[in-house]
PDB file of N, CA and C in Angstrom:
ATOM      1  N   MET A   1      14.115   8.017   4.705  1.00  0.00           N
ATOM      2  CA  MET A   1      15.174   8.054   3.724  1.00  0.00           C
ATOM      3  C   MET A   1      14.626   8.687   2.457  1.00  0.00           C
ATOM      4  N   LYS A   2      15.258   9.704   2.003  1.00  0.00           N
ATOM      5  CA  LYS A   2      14.877  10.353   0.754  1.00  0.00           C
ATOM      6  C   LYS A   2      15.964  10.081  -0.271  1.00  0.00           C
ATOM      7  N   GLY A   3      15.624  10.175  -1.540  1.00  0.00           N
ATOM      8  CA  GLY A   3      16.637  10.068  -2.567  1.00  0.00           C
ATOM      9  C   GLY A   3      16.593   8.769  -3.335  1.00  0.00           C
ATOM     10  N   GLU A   4      17.760   8.373  -3.825  1.00  0.00           N
ATOM     11  CA  GLU A   4      17.865   7.305  -4.805  1.00  0.00           C
ATOM     12  C   GLU A   4      17.234   5.985  -4.392  1.00  0.00           C
ATOM     13  N   LEU A   5      17.361   5.594  -3.143  1.00  0.00           N
ATOM     14  CA  LEU A   5      16.892   4.274  -2.731  1.00  0.00           C
ATOM     15  C   LEU A   5      15.587   4.310  -1.956  1.00  0.00           C
ATOM     16  N   ALA A   6      14.947   5.453  -1.865  1.00  0.00           N
ATOM     17  CA  ALA A   6      13.723   5.571  -1.063  1.00  0.00           C
ATOM     18  C   ALA A   6      12.632   4.638  -1.561  1.00  0.00           C
ATOM     19  N   HIS A   7      12.477   4.522  -2.880  1.00  0.00           N
ATOM     20  CA  HIS A   7      11.411   3.668  -3.412  1.00  0.00           C
ATOM     21  C   HIS A   7      11.634   2.207  -3.049  1.00  0.00           C
ATOM     22  N   ILE A   8      12.890   1.768  -3.043  1.00  0.00           N
ATOM     23  CA  ILE A   8      13.196   0.383  -2.695  1.00  0.00           C
ATOM     24  C   ILE A   8      12.935   0.149  -1.214  1.00  0.00           C
ATOM     25  N   LYS A   9      13.378   1.063  -0.373  1.00  0.00           N
ATOM     26  CA  LYS A   9      13.169   0.956   1.066  1.00  0.00           C
ATOM     27  C   LYS A   9      11.681   0.912   1.396  1.00  0.00           C
ATOM     28  N   ASP A  10      10.907   1.828   0.817  1.00  0.00           N
ATOM     29  CA  ASP A  10       9.484   1.891   1.125  1.00  0.00           C
ATOM     30  C   ASP A  10       8.743   0.662   0.620  1.00  0.00           C
ATOM     31  N   GLU A  11       9.135   0.138  -0.543  1.00  0.00           N
ATOM     32  CA  GLU A  11       8.508  -1.081  -1.056  1.00  0.00           C
ATOM     33  C   GLU A  11       8.780  -2.241  -0.105  1.00  0.00           C
ATOM     34  N   HIS A  12      10.024  -2.376   0.364  1.00  0.00           N
ATOM     35  CA  HIS A  12      10.362  -3.452   1.299  1.00  0.00           C
ATOM     36  C   HIS A  12       9.620  -3.285   2.616  1.00  0.00           C
ATOM     37  N   GLU A  13       9.485  -2.038   3.092  1.00  0.00           N
ATOM     38  CA  GLU A  13       8.744  -1.799   4.332  1.00  0.00           C
ATOM     39  C   GLU A  13       7.290  -2.202   4.182  1.00  0.00           C
ATOM     40  N   ALA A  14       6.687  -1.873   3.055  1.00  0.00           N
ATOM     41  CA  ALA A  14       5.286  -2.230   2.840  1.00  0.00           C
ATOM     42  C   ALA A  14       5.115  -3.741   2.805  1.00  0.00           C
ATOM     43  N   LEU A  15       6.043  -4.447   2.153  1.00  0.00           N
ATOM     44  CA  LEU A  15       5.957  -5.906   2.126  1.00  0.00           C
ATOM     45  C   LEU A  15       6.192  -6.495   3.512  1.00  0.00           C
ATOM     46  N   ALA A  16       7.088  -5.890   4.289  1.00  0.00           N
ATOM     47  CA  ALA A  16       7.311  -6.356   5.660  1.00  0.00           C
ATOM     48  C   ALA A  16       6.065  -6.142   6.505  1.00  0.00           C
ATOM     49  N   LEU A  17       5.404  -4.985   6.342  1.00  0.00           N
ATOM     50  CA  LEU A  17       4.154  -4.739   7.057  1.00  0.00           C
ATOM     51  C   LEU A  17       3.108  -5.774   6.672  1.00  0.00           C
ATOM     52  N   ALA A  18       3.016  -6.066   5.385  1.00  0.00           N
ATOM     53  CA  ALA A  18       2.040  -7.053   4.929  1.00  0.00           C
ATOM     54  C   ALA A  18       2.342  -8.425   5.520  1.00  0.00           C
ATOM     55  N   SER A  19       3.624  -8.784   5.635  1.00  0.00           N
ATOM     56  CA  SER A  19       3.990 -10.065   6.241  1.00  0.00           C
ATOM     57  C   SER A  19       3.593 -10.123   7.704  1.00  0.00           C
ATOM     58  N   LEU A  20       3.790  -9.017   8.430  1.00  0.00           N
ATOM     59  CA  LEU A  20       3.383  -8.973   9.834  1.00  0.00           C
ATOM     60  C   LEU A  20       1.878  -9.116   9.964  1.00  0.00           C
ATOM     61  N   ILE A  21       1.155  -8.443   9.091  1.00  0.00           N
ATOM     62  CA  ILE A  21      -0.300  -8.546   9.116  1.00  0.00           C
ATOM     63  C   ILE A  21      -0.717  -9.971   8.794  1.00  0.00           C
ATOM     64  N   ASP A  22      -0.011 -10.622   7.858  1.00  0.00           N
ATOM     65  CA  ASP A  22      -0.318 -12.000   7.506  1.00  0.00           C
ATOM     66  C   ASP A  22      -0.235 -12.890   8.731  1.00  0.00           C
ATOM     67  N   ASP A  23       0.785 -12.677   9.575  1.00  0.00           N
ATOM     68  CA  ASP A  23       0.920 -13.476  10.790  1.00  0.00           C
ATOM     69  C   ASP A  23      -0.261 -13.260  11.725  1.00  0.00           C
ATOM     70  N   GLU A  24      -0.757 -12.018  11.797  1.00  0.00           N
ATOM     71  CA  GLU A  24      -1.848 -11.701  12.711  1.00  0.00           C
ATOM     72  C   GLU A  24      -3.208 -12.106  12.168  1.00  0.00           C
ATOM     73  N   LYS A  25      -3.446 -11.902  10.912  1.00  0.00           N
ATOM     74  CA  LYS A  25      -4.788 -12.052  10.347  1.00  0.00           C
ATOM     75  C   LYS A  25      -4.975 -13.332   9.540  1.00  0.00           C
ATOM     76  N   LYS A  26      -3.935 -14.114   9.386  1.00  0.00           N
ATOM     77  CA  LYS A  26      -4.022 -15.372   8.651  1.00  0.00           C
ATOM     78  C   LYS A  26      -4.511 -15.166   7.217  1.00  0.00           C
ATOM     79  N   LEU A  27      -3.715 -14.454   6.446  1.00  0.00           N
ATOM     80  CA  LEU A  27      -4.060 -14.202   5.054  1.00  0.00           C
ATOM     81  C   LEU A  27      -3.825 -15.419   4.167  1.00  0.00           C
ATOM     82  N   ASP A  28      -3.447 -16.561   4.778  1.00  0.00           N
ATOM     83  CA  ASP A  28      -3.237 -17.762   3.985  1.00  0.00           C
ATOM     84  C   ASP A  28      -4.464 -18.069   3.138  1.00  0.00           C
ATOM     85  N   ASP A  29      -5.641 -17.824   3.694  1.00  0.00           N
ATOM     86  CA  ASP A  29      -6.869 -18.074   2.958  1.00  0.00           C
ATOM     87  C   ASP A  29      -7.001 -17.144   1.758  1.00  0.00           C
ATOM     88  N   CYS A  30      -6.273 -16.050   1.753  1.00  0.00           N
ATOM     89  CA  CYS A  30      -6.363 -15.048   0.686  1.00  0.00           C
ATOM     90  C   CYS A  30      -5.239 -15.202  -0.335  1.00  0.00           C
ATOM     91  N   GLN A  31      -4.541 -16.309  -0.328  1.00  0.00           N
ATOM     92  CA  GLN A  31      -3.438 -16.564  -1.256  1.00  0.00           C
ATOM     93  C   GLN A  31      -2.402 -15.443  -1.195  1.00  0.00           C
ATOM     94  N   PHE A  32      -1.770 -15.280  -0.032  1.00  0.00           N
ATOM     95  CA  PHE A  32      -0.837 -14.185   0.210  1.00  0.00           C
ATOM     96  C   PHE A  32       0.293 -14.139  -0.808  1.00  0.00           C
ATOM     97  N   ASP A  33       0.857 -15.284  -1.185  1.00  0.00           N
ATOM     98  CA  ASP A  33       1.969 -15.282  -2.147  1.00  0.00           C
ATOM     99  C   ASP A  33       1.544 -14.709  -3.495  1.00  0.00           C
ATOM    100  N   LEU A  34       0.335 -15.036  -3.929  1.00  0.00           N
ATOM    101  CA  LEU A  34      -0.171 -14.492  -5.184  1.00  0.00           C
ATOM    102  C   LEU A  34      -0.381 -12.987  -5.055  1.00  0.00           C
ATOM    103  N   TRP A  35      -0.950 -12.550  -3.911  1.00  0.00           N
ATOM    104  CA  TRP A  35      -1.142 -11.120  -3.672  1.00  0.00           C
ATOM    105  C   TRP A  35       0.198 -10.396  -3.673  1.00  0.00           C
ATOM    106  N   LYS A  36       1.215 -10.988  -3.034  1.00  0.00           N
ATOM    107  CA  LYS A  36       2.543 -10.369  -2.974  1.00  0.00           C
ATOM    108  C   LYS A  36       3.130 -10.224  -4.385  1.00  0.00           C
ATOM    109  N   GLN A  37       2.964 -11.239  -5.215  1.00  0.00           N
ATOM    110  CA  GLN A  37       3.468 -11.187  -6.588  1.00  0.00           C
ATOM    111  C   GLN A  37       2.814 -10.032  -7.353  1.00  0.00           C
ATOM    112  N   TYR A  38       1.506  -9.881  -7.240  1.00  0.00           N
ATOM    113  CA  TYR A  38       0.810  -8.783  -7.915  1.00  0.00           C
ATOM    114  C   TYR A  38       1.217  -7.434  -7.341  1.00  0.00           C
ATOM    115  N   TYR A  39       1.426  -7.388  -6.033  1.00  0.00           N
ATOM    116  CA  TYR A  39       1.817  -6.134  -5.383  1.00  0.00           C
ATOM    117  C   TYR A  39       3.182  -5.667  -5.891  1.00  0.00           C
ATOM    118  N   VAL A  40       4.145  -6.564  -5.939  1.00  0.00           N
ATOM    119  CA  VAL A  40       5.486  -6.215  -6.421  1.00  0.00           C
ATOM    120  C   VAL A  40       5.420  -5.784  -7.888  1.00  0.00           C
ATOM    121  N   ALA A  41       4.642  -6.493  -8.702  1.00  0.00           N
ATOM    122  CA  ALA A  41       4.502  -6.118 -10.111  1.00  0.00           C
ATOM    123  C   ALA A  41       3.893  -4.720 -10.243  1.00  0.00           C
ATOM    124  N   ALA A  42       2.919  -4.405  -9.393  1.00  0.00           N
ATOM    125  CA  ALA A  42       2.304  -3.073  -9.428  1.00  0.00           C
ATOM    126  C   ALA A  42       3.316  -2.001  -9.029  1.00  0.00           C
ATOM    127  N   CYS A  43       4.132  -2.265  -8.007  1.00  0.00           N
ATOM    128  CA  CYS A  43       5.164  -1.304  -7.588  1.00  0.00           C
ATOM    129  C   CYS A  43       6.155  -1.044  -8.715  1.00  0.00           C
ATOM    130  N   VAL A  44       6.575  -2.092  -9.392  1.00  0.00           N
ATOM    131  CA  VAL A  44       7.517  -1.951 -10.507  1.00  0.00           C
ATOM    132  C   VAL A  44       6.886  -1.126 -11.629  1.00  0.00           C
ATOM    133  N   ALA A  45       5.616  -1.396 -11.941  1.00  0.00           N
ATOM    134  CA  ALA A  45       4.936  -0.661 -13.010  1.00  0.00           C
ATOM    135  C   ALA A  45       4.792   0.818 -12.662  1.00  0.00           C
ATOM    136  N   VAL A  46       4.408   1.111 -11.423  1.00  0.00           N
ATOM    137  CA  VAL A  46       4.243   2.506 -11.007  1.00  0.00           C
ATOM    138  C   VAL A  46       5.583   3.223 -11.027  1.00  0.00           C
ATOM    139  N   PHE A  47       6.637   2.582 -10.513  1.00  0.00           N
ATOM    140  CA  PHE A  47       7.947   3.225 -10.512  1.00  0.00           C
ATOM    141  C   PHE A  47       8.431   3.471 -11.940  1.00  0.00           C
ATOM    142  N   GLY A  48       8.178   2.512 -12.839  1.00  0.00           N
ATOM    143  CA  GLY A  48       8.552   2.708 -14.236  1.00  0.00           C
ATOM    144  C   GLY A  48       7.849   3.906 -14.849  1.00  0.00           C
ATOM    145  N   LYS A  49       6.569   4.056 -14.529  1.00  0.00           N
ATOM    146  CA  LYS A  49       5.812   5.205 -15.038  1.00  0.00           C
ATOM    147  C   LYS A  49       6.367   6.507 -14.463  1.00  0.00           C
ATOM    148  N   LEU A  50       6.717   6.510 -13.182  1.00  0.00           N
ATOM    149  CA  LEU A  50       7.301   7.702 -12.568  1.00  0.00           C
ATOM    150  C   LEU A  50       8.645   8.046 -13.195  1.00  0.00           C
ATOM    151  N   GLN A  51       9.446   7.026 -13.503  1.00  0.00           N
ATOM    152  CA  GLN A  51      10.751   7.266 -14.122  1.00  0.00           C
ATOM    153  C   GLN A  51      10.608   7.914 -15.496  1.00  0.00           C
ATOM    154  N   ARG A  52       9.551   7.578 -16.219  1.00  0.00           N
ATOM    155  CA  ARG A  52       9.346   8.133 -17.561  1.00  0.00           C
ATOM    156  C   ARG A  52       8.746   9.536 -17.534  1.00  0.00           C
ATOM    157  N   SER A  53       8.306   9.985 -16.389  1.00  0.00           N
ATOM    158  CA  SER A  53       7.693  11.308 -16.276  1.00  0.00           C
ATOM    159  C   SER A  53       8.752  12.393 -16.438  1.00  0.00           C
ATOM    160  N   ARG A  54       8.454  13.385 -17.250  1.00  0.00           N
ATOM    161  CA  ARG A  54       9.379  14.499 -17.441  1.00  0.00           C
ATOM    162  C   ARG A  54       9.244  15.530 -16.333  1.00  0.00           C
ATOM    163  N   ARG A  55       8.112  15.530 -15.629  1.00  0.00           N
ATOM    164  CA  ARG A  55       7.879  16.538 -14.594  1.00  0.00           C
ATOM    165  C   ARG A  55       8.376  16.090 -13.222  1.00  0.00           C
ATOM    166  N   LEU A  56       8.682  14.818 -13.062  1.00  0.00           N
ATOM    167  CA  LEU A  56       9.123  14.313 -11.761  1.00  0.00           C
ATOM    168  C   LEU A  56      10.537  13.773 -11.838  1.00  0.00           C
ATOM    169  N   ASP A  57      11.269  13.918 -10.769  1.00  0.00           N
ATOM    170  CA  ASP A  57      12.556  13.257 -10.627  1.00  0.00           C
ATOM    171  C   ASP A  57      12.336  12.114  -9.646  1.00  0.00           C
ATOM    172  N   ALA A  58      11.945  10.956 -10.179  1.00  0.00           N
ATOM    173  CA  ALA A  58      11.558   9.827  -9.337  1.00  0.00           C
ATOM    174  C   ALA A  58      12.716   9.289  -8.509  1.00  0.00           C
ATOM    175  N   VAL A  59      13.945   9.495  -8.962  1.00  0.00           N
ATOM    176  CA  VAL A  59      15.098   8.976  -8.230  1.00  0.00           C
ATOM    177  C   VAL A  59      15.457   9.873  -7.048  1.00  0.00           C
ATOM    178  N   GLN A  60      15.385  11.181  -7.209  1.00  0.00           N
ATOM    179  CA  GLN A  60      15.798  12.106  -6.157  1.00  0.00           C
ATOM    180  C   GLN A  60      14.668  12.515  -5.212  1.00  0.00           C
ATOM    181  N   SER A  61      13.432  12.263  -5.590  1.00  0.00           N
ATOM    182  CA  SER A  61      12.313  12.676  -4.734  1.00  0.00           C
ATOM    183  C   SER A  61      12.055  11.632  -3.652  1.00  0.00           C
ATOM    184  N   GLY A  62      11.308  12.022  -2.640  1.00  0.00           N
ATOM    185  CA  GLY A  62      10.942  11.104  -1.569  1.00  0.00           C
ATOM    186  C   GLY A  62       9.883  10.124  -2.044  1.00  0.00           C
ATOM    187  N   CYS A  63       9.556   9.195  -1.191  1.00  0.00           N
ATOM    188  CA  CYS A  63       8.606   8.169  -1.585  1.00  0.00           C
ATOM    189  C   CYS A  63       7.787   7.721  -0.384  1.00  0.00           C
ATOM    190  N   THR A  64       6.523   7.508  -0.599  1.00  0.00           N
ATOM    191  CA  THR A  64       5.673   6.888   0.410  1.00  0.00           C
ATOM    192  C   THR A  64       4.907   5.758  -0.255  1.00  0.00           C
ATOM    193  N   VAL A  65       4.466   4.835   0.543  1.00  0.00           N
ATOM    194  CA  VAL A  65       3.718   3.693   0.034  1.00  0.00           C
ATOM    195  C   VAL A  65       2.426   3.584   0.814  1.00  0.00           C
ATOM    196  N   LEU A  66       1.333   3.437   0.118  1.00  0.00           N
ATOM    197  CA  LEU A  66       0.043   3.170   0.736  1.00  0.00           C
ATOM    198  C   LEU A  66      -0.566   2.004  -0.006  1.00  0.00           C
ATOM    199  N   SER A  67      -0.913   0.962   0.712  1.00  0.00           N
ATOM    200  CA  SER A  67      -1.503  -0.218   0.094  1.00  0.00           C
ATOM    201  C   SER A  67      -2.786  -0.576   0.815  1.00  0.00           C
ATOM    202  N   ILE A  68      -3.793  -0.883   0.038  1.00  0.00           N
ATOM    203  CA  ILE A  68      -5.055  -1.359   0.591  1.00  0.00           C
ATOM    204  C   ILE A  68      -5.395  -2.654  -0.127  1.00  0.00           C
ATOM    205  N   PHE A  69      -5.629  -3.694   0.645  1.00  0.00           N
ATOM    206  CA  PHE A  69      -5.963  -5.009   0.119  1.00  0.00           C
ATOM    207  C   PHE A  69      -7.278  -5.419   0.755  1.00  0.00           C
ATOM    208  N   LYS A  70      -8.275  -5.759  -0.060  1.00  0.00           N
ATOM    209  CA  LYS A  70      -9.573  -6.148   0.484  1.00  0.00           C
ATOM    210  C   LYS A  70     -10.022  -7.433  -0.175  1.00  0.00           C
ATOM    211  N   GLN A  71     -10.383  -8.396   0.648  1.00  0.00           N
ATOM    212  CA  GLN A  71     -10.962  -9.637   0.156  1.00  0.00           C
ATOM    213  C   GLN A  71     -12.042 -10.048   1.132  1.00  0.00           C
ATOM    214  N   GLY A  72     -13.259 -10.102   0.665  1.00  0.00           N
ATOM    215  CA  GLY A  72     -14.376 -10.425   1.544  1.00  0.00           C
ATOM    216  C   GLY A  72     -14.510  -9.378   2.635  1.00  0.00           C
ATOM    217  N   ASP A  73     -14.598  -9.836   3.882  1.00  0.00           N
ATOM    218  CA  ASP A  73     -14.718  -8.920   5.019  1.00  0.00           C
ATOM    219  C   ASP A  73     -13.369  -8.419   5.519  1.00  0.00           C
ATOM    220  N   LEU A  74     -12.274  -8.948   4.989  1.00  0.00           N
ATOM    221  CA  LEU A  74     -10.936  -8.578   5.446  1.00  0.00           C
ATOM    222  C   LEU A  74     -10.404  -7.401   4.635  1.00  0.00           C
ATOM    223  N   MET A  75      -9.968  -6.344   5.334  1.00  0.00           N
ATOM    224  CA  MET A  75      -9.317  -5.209   4.676  1.00  0.00           C
ATOM    225  C   MET A  75      -8.007  -4.942   5.400  1.00  0.00           C
ATOM    226  N   VAL A  76      -6.922  -4.914   4.656  1.00  0.00           N
ATOM    227  CA  VAL A  76      -5.600  -4.658   5.209  1.00  0.00           C
ATOM    228  C   VAL A  76      -5.096  -3.351   4.617  1.00  0.00           C
ATOM    229  N   VAL A  77      -4.686  -2.424   5.480  1.00  0.00           N
ATOM    230  CA  VAL A  77      -4.119  -1.153   5.049  1.00  0.00           C
ATOM    231  C   VAL A  77      -2.708  -1.082   5.608  1.00  0.00           C
ATOM    232  N   ALA A  78      -1.725  -0.881   4.741  1.00  0.00           N
ATOM    233  CA  ALA A  78      -0.333  -0.757   5.174  1.00  0.00           C
ATOM    234  C   ALA A  78       0.241   0.514   4.566  1.00  0.00           C
ATOM    235  N   ASN A  79       0.977   1.250   5.371  1.00  0.00           N
ATOM    236  CA  ASN A  79       1.613   2.445   4.832  1.00  0.00           C
ATOM    237  C   ASN A  79       3.025   2.583   5.376  1.00  0.00           C
ATOM    238  N   ALA A  80       3.879   3.174   4.547  1.00  0.00           N
ATOM    239  CA  ALA A  80       5.257   3.462   4.933  1.00  0.00           C
ATOM    240  C   ALA A  80       5.570   4.864   4.436  1.00  0.00           C
ATOM    241  N   GLY A  81       6.267   5.618   5.226  1.00  0.00           N
ATOM    242  CA  GLY A  81       6.574   6.992   4.844  1.00  0.00           C
ATOM    243  C   GLY A  81       5.635   7.959   5.538  1.00  0.00           C
ATOM    244  N   ASP A  82       5.319   9.051   4.867  1.00  0.00           N
ATOM    245  CA  ASP A  82       4.509  10.116   5.461  1.00  0.00           C
ATOM    246  C   ASP A  82       3.034  10.017   5.109  1.00  0.00           C
ATOM    247  N   THR A  83       2.567   8.869   4.708  1.00  0.00           N
ATOM    248  CA  THR A  83       1.190   8.697   4.277  1.00  0.00           C
ATOM    249  C   THR A  83       0.245   8.618   5.467  1.00  0.00           C
ATOM    250  N   ARG A  84      -0.872   9.298   5.364  1.00  0.00           N
ATOM    251  CA  ARG A  84      -1.951   9.182   6.351  1.00  0.00           C
ATOM    252  C   ARG A  84      -3.184   8.733   5.594  1.00  0.00           C
ATOM    253  N   VAL A  85      -4.001   7.923   6.215  1.00  0.00           N
ATOM    254  CA  VAL A  85      -5.149   7.384   5.513  1.00  0.00           C
ATOM    255  C   VAL A  85      -6.423   7.566   6.326  1.00  0.00           C
ATOM    256  N   VAL A  86      -7.480   7.918   5.656  1.00  0.00           N
ATOM    257  CA  VAL A  86      -8.813   7.953   6.255  1.00  0.00           C
ATOM    258  C   VAL A  86      -9.707   7.163   5.317  1.00  0.00           C
ATOM    259  N   LEU A  87     -10.324   6.120   5.845  1.00  0.00           N
ATOM    260  CA  LEU A  87     -11.197   5.285   5.031  1.00  0.00           C
ATOM    261  C   LEU A  87     -12.644   5.563   5.366  1.00  0.00           C
ATOM    262  N   GLY A  88     -13.488   5.427   4.384  1.00  0.00           N
ATOM    263  CA  GLY A  88     -14.911   5.606   4.600  1.00  0.00           C
ATOM    264  C   GLY A  88     -15.695   4.886   3.528  1.00  0.00           C
ATOM    265  N   THR A  89     -16.986   4.808   3.734  1.00  0.00           N
ATOM    266  CA  THR A  89     -17.887   4.175   2.787  1.00  0.00           C
ATOM    267  C   THR A  89     -18.928   5.193   2.358  1.00  0.00           C
ATOM    268  N   ALA A  90     -19.148   5.291   1.060  1.00  0.00           N
ATOM    269  CA  ALA A  90     -20.177   6.197   0.543  1.00  0.00           C
ATOM    270  C   ALA A  90     -21.439   5.391   0.261  1.00  0.00           C
ATOM    271  N   SER A  91     -22.566   5.872   0.763  1.00  0.00           N
ATOM    272  CA  SER A  91     -23.842   5.197   0.513  1.00  0.00           C
ATOM    273  C   SER A  91     -24.428   5.686  -0.806  1.00  0.00           C
ATOM    274  N   ASP A  92     -25.509   5.063  -1.233  1.00  0.00           N
ATOM    275  CA  ASP A  92     -26.151   5.442  -2.490  1.00  0.00           C
ATOM    276  C   ASP A  92     -26.656   6.882  -2.474  1.00  0.00           C
ATOM    277  N   ASN A  93     -27.013   7.395  -1.285  1.00  0.00           N
ATOM    278  CA  ASN A  93     -27.525   8.769  -1.202  1.00  0.00           C
ATOM    279  C   ASN A  93     -26.411   9.807  -1.031  1.00  0.00           C
ATOM    280  N   GLY A  94     -25.143   9.357  -1.066  1.00  0.00           N
ATOM    281  CA  GLY A  94     -24.017  10.278  -0.990  1.00  0.00           C
ATOM    282  C   GLY A  94     -23.463  10.518   0.397  1.00  0.00           C
ATOM    283  N   ALA A  95     -24.091   9.941   1.421  1.00  0.00           N
ATOM    284  CA  ALA A  95     -23.582  10.099   2.786  1.00  0.00           C
ATOM    285  C   ALA A  95     -22.302   9.288   2.954  1.00  0.00           C
ATOM    286  N   VAL A  96     -21.329   9.860   3.649  1.00  0.00           N
ATOM    287  CA  VAL A  96     -20.050   9.182   3.883  1.00  0.00           C
ATOM    288  C   VAL A  96     -19.958   8.791   5.349  1.00  0.00           C
ATOM    289  N   THR A  97     -19.619   7.522   5.587  1.00  0.00           N
ATOM    290  CA  THR A  97     -19.471   7.004   6.940  1.00  0.00           C
ATOM    291  C   THR A  97     -18.033   6.565   7.136  1.00  0.00           C
ATOM    292  N   PRO A  98     -17.337   7.075   8.166  1.00  0.00           N
ATOM    293  CA  PRO A  98     -15.963   6.623   8.418  1.00  0.00           C
ATOM    294  C   PRO A  98     -15.947   5.141   8.771  1.00  0.00           C
ATOM    295  N   SER A  99     -14.945   4.434   8.266  1.00  0.00           N
ATOM    296  CA  SER A  99     -14.783   3.022   8.598  1.00  0.00           C
ATOM    297  C   SER A  99     -14.044   2.901   9.910  1.00  0.00           C
ATOM    298  N   SER A 100     -14.336   1.865  10.652  1.00  0.00           N
ATOM    299  CA  SER A 100     -13.623   1.631  11.907  1.00  0.00           C
ATOM    300  C   SER A 100     -12.366   0.835  11.620  1.00  0.00           C
ATOM    301  N   SER A 101     -11.440   0.860  12.563  1.00  0.00           N
ATOM    302  CA  SER A 101     -10.169   0.168  12.411  1.00  0.00           C
ATOM    303  C   SER A 101      -9.857  -0.586  13.682  1.00  0.00           C
ATOM    304  N   SER A 102      -9.272  -1.774  13.526  1.00  0.00           N
ATOM    305  CA  SER A 102      -8.906  -2.553  14.702  1.00  0.00           C
ATOM    306  C   SER A 102      -7.520  -2.201  15.204  1.00  0.00           C
ATOM    307  N   SER A 103      -6.750  -1.443  14.408  1.00  0.00           N
ATOM    308  CA  SER A 103      -5.406  -1.045  14.839  1.00  0.00           C
ATOM    309  C   SER A 103      -5.085   0.327  14.278  1.00  0.00           C
ATOM    310  N   THR A 104      -4.071   0.981  14.870  1.00  0.00           N
ATOM    311  CA  THR A 104      -3.652   2.292  14.387  1.00  0.00           C
ATOM    312  C   THR A 104      -2.201   2.268  14.008  1.00  0.00           C
TER     313      THR A 104
END
């Protein structure tokens, strides 16, 4: 969906993905409700900044969402829209190692 409601749709999709992951990975230990509150606040702040931009039409343009949440050994990546993600770790000597994933 592109246009006026794309940002709302993509935000809801990202939260739905996070809820599904919560069921699988037991994010209860990570205070999921608190994380969700911060996530929604961040989405609102970013959208507000986009709305104030003179170079972008935030209402008529498309929208994608990419979220990465990491706590301890747990890393959750959720995306909605046309986003593709490649994760890696950079060592002190500058070498980059791709991270493995348990799901695609």
